[in-house]
Amino acid sequence: MKKLLVLTIFSLLFNNVSYAENCTYEQALSTFKYTVLWEETDGNIPKNIVLKHKELLERTYIFGLNIQKAVKEKDMDKIYSYLQEKMPFQNKKDFKDKSFDEVFTEEHRERILSDTVSCKRTLSSKFQLGAGVIWYGNHEDLGTDDETAMAIQALRGLYQGEE
């Protein structure tokens, strides 16, 4: 019976990232620096606001892991489903019938897979994988009120879309 309990606990810990805390309260709080809210509260952001933002960062982190999984499996259908409808430099429809190897080189794939998913945005205020091969974001980045929205906003792979 003890063995079964131990196995259950280990499977929950190692097989389900939703039970883990990947993003800290401090990381969520730091995202408010240099904002009007930070200035208005002198850095004393209400805890409920920080916790809500921490949850958003956590969901974005898990989305980053899901992108890496799709890249690892060379699942272009999954990657396509993650693409934002209106990408700033590309059209989603241009990727519809492309294979993974038409869009990414093996070097791009390795860069994405060896990268560490982060709870922090880059200096350009975006989340990225593979040193900018993939740029992605949450509803705040996508300009939507749908708090569950996540999308890849740009692919900087081999294929860049139709001219």
C-alpha atoms as a PDB file:
ATOM      1  CA  MET A   1       0.000   0.000   0.000  1.00  0.00           C
ATOM      2  CA  LYS A   2       2.851   2.404   0.831  1.00  0.00           C
ATOM      3  CA  LYS A   3       4.474   1.653  -2.518  1.00  0.00           C
ATOM      4  CA  LEU A   4       1.257   2.562  -4.312  1.00  0.00           C
ATOM      5  CA  LEU A   5       1.022   5.842  -2.400  1.00  0.00           C
ATOM      6  CA  VAL A   6       4.649   6.726  -3.183  1.00  0.00           C
ATOM      7  CA  LEU A   7       4.174   5.890  -6.875  1.00  0.00           C
ATOM      8  CA  THR A   8       1.021   8.023  -7.035  1.00  0.00           C
ATOM      9  CA  ILE A   9       2.761  10.985  -5.417  1.00  0.00           C
ATOM     10  CA  PHE A  10       5.769  10.733  -7.742  1.00  0.00           C
ATOM     11  CA  SER A  11       3.571  10.459 -10.838  1.00  0.00           C
ATOM     12  CA  LEU A  12       1.667  13.585  -9.803  1.00  0.00           C
ATOM     13  CA  LEU A  13       4.858  15.503  -9.129  1.00  0.00           C
ATOM     14  CA  PHE A  14       6.699  14.576 -12.296  1.00  0.00           C
ATOM     15  CA  ASN A  15       3.953  14.108 -14.875  1.00  0.00           C
ATOM     16  CA  ASN A  16       1.716  17.094 -14.346  1.00  0.00           C
ATOM     17  CA  VAL A  17       3.283  20.546 -14.556  1.00  0.00           C
ATOM     18  CA  SER A  18       0.060  22.186 -13.383  1.00  0.00           C
ATOM     19  CA  TYR A  19       0.834  21.078  -9.812  1.00  0.00           C
ATOM     20  CA  ALA A  20       4.199  22.803  -9.855  1.00  0.00           C
ATOM     21  CA  GLU A  21       4.810  26.454  -9.168  1.00  0.00           C
ATOM     22  CA  ASN A  22       7.042  27.674 -11.925  1.00  0.00           C
ATOM     23  CA  CYS A  23       6.509  31.405 -11.525  1.00  0.00           C
ATOM     24  CA  THR A  24       7.069  33.135  -8.198  1.00  0.00           C
ATOM     25  CA  TYR A  25       5.188  35.938  -6.503  1.00  0.00           C
ATOM     26  CA  GLU A  26       8.320  38.080  -6.802  1.00  0.00           C
ATOM     27  CA  GLN A  27       8.485  37.519 -10.568  1.00  0.00           C
ATOM     28  CA  ALA A  28       4.848  38.558 -10.904  1.00  0.00           C
ATOM     29  CA  LEU A  29       5.409  41.623  -8.739  1.00  0.00           C
ATOM     30  CA  SER A  30       8.490  42.652 -10.743  1.00  0.00           C
ATOM     31  CA  THR A  31       6.420  42.863 -13.933  1.00  0.00           C
ATOM     32  CA  PHE A  32       4.691  45.925 -12.492  1.00  0.00           C
ATOM     33  CA  LYS A  33       7.924  47.919 -12.145  1.00  0.00           C
ATOM     34  CA  TYR A  34       7.991  51.045 -14.290  1.00  0.00           C
ATOM     35  CA  THR A  35       4.197  51.033 -14.611  1.00  0.00           C
ATOM     36  CA  VAL A  36       1.694  53.673 -13.544  1.00  0.00           C
ATOM     37  CA  LEU A  37       0.316  51.288 -10.922  1.00  0.00           C
ATOM     38  CA  TRP A  38       3.800  50.858  -9.436  1.00  0.00           C
ATOM     39  CA  GLU A  39       4.209  54.630  -9.235  1.00  0.00           C
ATOM     40  CA  GLU A  40       0.717  55.182  -7.787  1.00  0.00           C
ATOM     41  CA  THR A  41       1.200  52.561  -5.059  1.00  0.00           C
ATOM     42  CA  ASP A  42       4.908  53.208  -4.484  1.00  0.00           C
ATOM     43  CA  GLY A  43       5.544  49.552  -5.315  1.00  0.00           C
ATOM     44  CA  ASN A  44       2.896  48.266  -2.902  1.00  0.00           C
ATOM     45  CA  ILE A  45       0.733  46.522  -5.500  1.00  0.00           C
ATOM     46  CA  PRO A  46      -2.336  44.878  -3.900  1.00  0.00           C
ATOM     47  CA  LYS A  47      -1.696  41.189  -3.303  1.00  0.00           C
ATOM     48  CA  ASN A  48      -4.801  40.041  -5.208  1.00  0.00           C
ATOM     49  CA  ILE A  49      -3.600  41.836  -8.355  1.00  0.00           C
ATOM     50  CA  VAL A  50      -0.130  40.290  -8.101  1.00  0.00           C
ATOM     51  CA  LEU A  51      -1.588  36.803  -7.498  1.00  0.00           C
ATOM     52  CA  LYS A  52      -3.877  37.131 -10.518  1.00  0.00           C
ATOM     53  CA  HIS A  53      -0.879  38.142 -12.636  1.00  0.00           C
ATOM     54  CA  LYS A  54       1.138  35.234 -11.213  1.00  0.00           C
ATOM     55  CA  GLU A  55      -1.596  32.853 -12.407  1.00  0.00           C
ATOM     56  CA  LEU A  56      -1.390  34.411 -15.877  1.00  0.00           C
ATOM     57  CA  LEU A  57       2.396  34.015 -15.933  1.00  0.00           C
ATOM     58  CA  GLU A  58       1.984  30.387 -14.847  1.00  0.00           C
ATOM     59  CA  ARG A  59      -0.456  29.686 -17.715  1.00  0.00           C
ATOM     60  CA  THR A  60       1.907  31.414 -20.150  1.00  0.00           C
ATOM     61  CA  TYR A  61       4.803  29.317 -18.833  1.00  0.00           C
ATOM     62  CA  ILE A  62       2.827  26.107 -19.434  1.00  0.00           C
ATOM     63  CA  PHE A  63       1.946  27.325 -22.935  1.00  0.00           C
ATOM     64  CA  GLY A  64       5.686  27.746 -23.587  1.00  0.00           C
ATOM     65  CA  LEU A  65       6.235  24.139 -22.489  1.00  0.00           C
ATOM     66  CA  ASN A  66       3.443  23.032 -24.836  1.00  0.00           C
ATOM     67  CA  ILE A  67       5.148  24.845 -27.721  1.00  0.00           C
ATOM     68  CA  GLN A  68       8.414  23.065 -26.905  1.00  0.00           C
ATOM     69  CA  LYS A  69       6.587  19.730 -26.845  1.00  0.00           C
ATOM     70  CA  ALA A  70       5.092  20.376 -30.296  1.00  0.00           C
ATOM     71  CA  VAL A  71       8.545  21.337 -31.616  1.00  0.00           C
ATOM     72  CA  LYS A  72      10.101  18.225 -30.072  1.00  0.00           C
ATOM     73  CA  GLU A  73       7.461  16.063 -31.772  1.00  0.00           C
ATOM     74  CA  LYS A  74       7.711  18.087 -35.018  1.00  0.00           C
ATOM     75  CA  ASP A  75       3.942  18.530 -34.797  1.00  0.00           C
ATOM     76  CA  MET A  76       3.259  21.303 -37.304  1.00  0.00           C
ATOM     77  CA  ASP A  77      -0.517  20.873 -36.950  1.00  0.00           C
ATOM     78  CA  LYS A  78      -0.238  21.693 -33.239  1.00  0.00           C
ATOM     79  CA  ILE A  79       2.096  24.616 -33.924  1.00  0.00           C
ATOM     80  CA  TYR A  80      -0.333  25.873 -36.576  1.00  0.00           C
ATOM     81  CA  SER A  81      -3.178  25.723 -34.030  1.00  0.00           C
ATOM     82  CA  TYR A  82      -1.113  27.939 -31.709  1.00  0.00           C
ATOM     83  CA  LEU A  83      -0.485  30.650 -34.333  1.00  0.00           C
ATOM     84  CA  GLN A  84      -2.159  34.015 -33.867  1.00  0.00           C
ATOM     85  CA  GLU A  85      -4.665  34.746 -36.645  1.00  0.00           C
ATOM     86  CA  LYS A  86      -3.130  38.113 -37.484  1.00  0.00           C
ATOM     87  CA  MET A  87       0.611  37.895 -37.026  1.00  0.00           C
ATOM     88  CA  PRO A  88       2.524  41.171 -37.387  1.00  0.00           C
ATOM     89  CA  PHE A  89       4.982  40.007 -40.057  1.00  0.00           C
ATOM     90  CA  GLN A  90       3.374  36.846 -41.435  1.00  0.00           C
ATOM     91  CA  ASN A  91       0.012  35.344 -42.330  1.00  0.00           C
ATOM     92  CA  LYS A  92      -1.165  32.283 -40.450  1.00  0.00           C
ATOM     93  CA  LYS A  93      -2.669  30.846 -43.644  1.00  0.00           C
ATOM     94  CA  ASP A  94       0.803  30.717 -45.233  1.00  0.00           C
ATOM     95  CA  PHE A  95       1.733  27.971 -42.773  1.00  0.00           C
ATOM     96  CA  LYS A  96      -1.380  25.817 -43.329  1.00  0.00           C
ATOM     97  CA  ASP A  97       0.123  23.162 -45.600  1.00  0.00           C
ATOM     98  CA  LYS A  98       3.767  23.419 -44.555  1.00  0.00           C
ATOM     99  CA  SER A  99       5.638  20.556 -42.973  1.00  0.00           C
ATOM    100  CA  PHE A 100       7.724  21.098 -39.870  1.00  0.00           C
ATOM    101  CA  ASP A 101      10.950  20.763 -41.880  1.00  0.00           C
ATOM    102  CA  GLU A 102       9.792  23.436 -44.339  1.00  0.00           C
ATOM    103  CA  VAL A 103       9.378  25.924 -41.489  1.00  0.00           C
ATOM    104  CA  PHE A 104      12.272  25.065 -39.148  1.00  0.00           C
ATOM    105  CA  THR A 105      15.824  23.875 -39.576  1.00  0.00           C
ATOM    106  CA  GLU A 106      17.258  21.309 -37.183  1.00  0.00           C
ATOM    107  CA  GLU A 107      19.349  24.130 -35.694  1.00  0.00           C
ATOM    108  CA  HIS A 108      16.158  26.118 -34.939  1.00  0.00           C
ATOM    109  CA  ARG A 109      14.599  23.032 -33.364  1.00  0.00           C
ATOM    110  CA  GLU A 110      17.634  22.457 -31.130  1.00  0.00           C
ATOM    111  CA  ARG A 111      17.699  26.130 -30.076  1.00  0.00           C
ATOM    112  CA  ILE A 112      14.021  25.992 -29.107  1.00  0.00           C
ATOM    113  CA  LEU A 113      14.352  22.697 -27.241  1.00  0.00           C
ATOM    114  CA  SER A 114      17.503  23.713 -25.374  1.00  0.00           C
ATOM    115  CA  ASP A 115      15.997  27.027 -24.287  1.00  0.00           C
ATOM    116  CA  THR A 116      14.513  27.423 -20.815  1.00  0.00           C
ATOM    117  CA  VAL A 117      10.893  28.539 -20.696  1.00  0.00           C
ATOM    118  CA  SER A 118      10.688  31.704 -18.608  1.00  0.00           C
ATOM    119  CA  CYS A 119       8.129  33.495 -16.486  1.00  0.00           C
ATOM    120  CA  LYS A 120       9.573  36.816 -17.585  1.00  0.00           C
ATOM    121  CA  ARG A 121       9.223  38.696 -20.809  1.00  0.00           C
ATOM    122  CA  THR A 122      12.287  39.751 -22.747  1.00  0.00           C
ATOM    123  CA  LEU A 123      13.317  43.390 -23.041  1.00  0.00           C
ATOM    124  CA  SER A 124      10.955  43.664 -26.007  1.00  0.00           C
ATOM    125  CA  SER A 125       8.060  42.764 -23.674  1.00  0.00           C
ATOM    126  CA  LYS A 126       7.456  39.393 -25.347  1.00  0.00           C
ATOM    127  CA  PHE A 127       8.006  35.780 -24.385  1.00  0.00           C
ATOM    128  CA  GLN A 128      10.379  33.904 -26.668  1.00  0.00           C
ATOM    129  CA  LEU A 129      11.935  30.530 -27.318  1.00  0.00           C
ATOM    130  CA  GLY A 130      15.112  29.688 -29.176  1.00  0.00           C
ATOM    131  CA  ALA A 131      16.612  33.178 -28.889  1.00  0.00           C
ATOM    132  CA  GLY A 132      13.695  34.665 -30.810  1.00  0.00           C
ATOM    133  CA  VAL A 133      12.842  31.866 -33.245  1.00  0.00           C
ATOM    134  CA  ILE A 134       9.369  31.759 -31.650  1.00  0.00           C
ATOM    135  CA  TRP A 135       7.653  34.749 -30.055  1.00  0.00           C
ATOM    136  CA  TYR A 136       4.498  34.079 -28.050  1.00  0.00           C
ATOM    137  CA  GLY A 137       2.216  35.738 -25.563  1.00  0.00           C
ATOM    138  CA  ASN A 138      -0.930  35.784 -23.478  1.00  0.00           C
ATOM    139  CA  HIS A 139      -4.095  37.872 -23.703  1.00  0.00           C
ATOM    140  CA  GLU A 140      -2.255  41.010 -22.559  1.00  0.00           C
ATOM    141  CA  ASP A 141       0.135  40.678 -25.498  1.00  0.00           C
ATOM    142  CA  LEU A 142      -2.634  39.773 -27.943  1.00  0.00           C
ATOM    143  CA  GLY A 143      -4.830  42.741 -27.084  1.00  0.00           C
ATOM    144  CA  THR A 144      -7.908  40.696 -26.187  1.00  0.00           C
ATOM    145  CA  ASP A 145     -10.177  40.509 -23.169  1.00  0.00           C
ATOM    146  CA  ASP A 146     -10.223  36.696 -23.367  1.00  0.00           C
ATOM    147  CA  GLU A 147      -8.016  35.877 -20.390  1.00  0.00           C
ATOM    148  CA  THR A 148      -7.465  32.314 -21.649  1.00  0.00           C
ATOM    149  CA  ALA A 149      -5.999  33.448 -24.985  1.00  0.00           C
ATOM    150  CA  MET A 150      -2.435  32.352 -25.770  1.00  0.00           C
ATOM    151  CA  ALA A 151      -0.762  32.376 -29.166  1.00  0.00           C
ATOM    152  CA  ILE A 152       2.461  32.279 -31.104  1.00  0.00           C
ATOM    153  CA  GLN A 153       2.866  35.782 -32.481  1.00  0.00           C
ATOM    154  CA  ALA A 154       5.831  35.264 -34.799  1.00  0.00           C
ATOM    155  CA  LEU A 155       7.906  32.439 -36.237  1.00  0.00           C
ATOM    156  CA  ARG A 156      11.446  33.267 -37.271  1.00  0.00           C
ATOM    157  CA  GLY A 157      12.221  29.915 -38.814  1.00  0.00           C
ATOM    158  CA  LEU A 158      13.351  28.954 -42.279  1.00  0.00           C
ATOM    159  CA  TYR A 159      10.011  29.720 -43.949  1.00  0.00           C
ATOM    160  CA  GLN A 160       8.754  33.284 -43.485  1.00  0.00           C
ATOM    161  CA  GLY A 161       5.478  33.175 -45.424  1.00  0.00           C
ATOM    162  CA  GLU A 162       4.518  34.381 -48.863  1.00  0.00           C
ATOM    163  CA  GLU A 163       5.917  37.661 -50.114  1.00  0.00           C
END
